[in-house]
């Protein structure tokens, strides 16, 4: 697969594709950050005071530089153990150590002035103010003793709880939340880009073209327009019958199947005309719907294609050939007691069931031990007795992972329609499947690219128009 070019188109389309995943991760990250901040991170409040310490007038020498020099001395004195032990004794209810007090008290000098700023930080504003108040009182008493001067301290400005903002000074919750969100987005988007760049799965028609497989139609993702229908079908592991439900489901899906019907009808008619010209017996169309892996949408495509044929007044026999994981009996709510696996033991009239959809008949997988079924080289050969009454036979086959079961369903006059799930398989896997089916002496009509996200293409087209 060719390496992907990372340009603006690719970046925006990737963002649009994964937007709900990114949004979910961002919301989860924001909730986690909020919990961490409010539960584990303690808020910090502070109380402040600006003070000026000077000696009595008769002891002053009028030198401002000397006053500033003395303030440096007073600054160191304030955080000494002598003063802090006094504060500790006066505030015994807080059970503070001198080490904790020293860590929470910050004394700074205001540059080129004999002014000093004292800041006390604590987990409550009341506690911070009590410590500051006690500290100032102790400083008034102890500084004269320690300095040997008769000092006078002037309190210029002291904050109180009424002036103090209610918000803590730290942490800054909005800032933490913003940084966390940005980092989460960048990390998530980087991982997604790495995944997309190194993703070798089939997502575009060009990818199938590189392995020599013609894309007949791309079918958009069917679930987005009907969440209720999605969950209902998800619980029963069924697939929606697009042409039989209300128009609340994406009409593009129905249109895609109508186009698929017309394309297949045209392609098979052209091939059958060549066969007639060669005077070879022409049998009704037998279409095998398969895929490389399970979960790519075989049953979804086979069922709705059969309905599209039936709506056009074509008699359709839909066969559940997937004995590994049969689903058609659940979808049409028909018993699975007798089916394809009982073909060699029971008459056809007991195996073909009438459905609620006009012109559409169903043969379920059956419940007989599949060992007997697999012994048939051509499992569909007994159906030749009813082919003259049927316009088209559509078989929901096992995936190519079950090679022997798939081979037993392939006839020389059958056509194979490959269903490729968007982002499900790689080019190498598709190439191996093509080689495998070609070896069964049957014709591959082309591929259905199932589950594409059309919104991506709309964004791409918009960008390309702007760039041009």
Foldseek 3Di string as FASTA:
>chain_A
DDFDDDDPLVLVLLCVVCVVVLVVLLVVLLVVLVCCCVPPNFFKAKKKWKKAKDFDPVPDPPDQVVLLVVLVVLQVVLLDPVLLVQLCVVPVVVVDDSVRQSVQWDWDDDPPGRMIMIMGMDSDQVVNLSSVVSSVVSSQVCVCVVVVGRMDMDTDDIDHPVRGDPHGPDDPSVVSSVVSSVVSSVVVSVVSVVCVSPQQADADQVQCVVLPFHAQFEAAAWDPQPVPVVVVCVVVVHADLVVPDDPSIPVSRVVRLLSVLVSVVVVLVVVVVVVVVVVDDDFAAEEEEAELAPPQQLVVNLNNNLLSCVVVVFQEEEEELAPVDWDPCVHQVHDQAFFLQCPVPDDPVVQWADGPRGNYIYGTNHDPDCVSQLVQQASCVVVRVCRVVGRYYYYSHYYCVPVSSRLNPDDLRYEYEYEGERSPHGSVSVSVSVVSVVVSNHHYPGYYYYHHHCVSVVSSVVVVVVVD
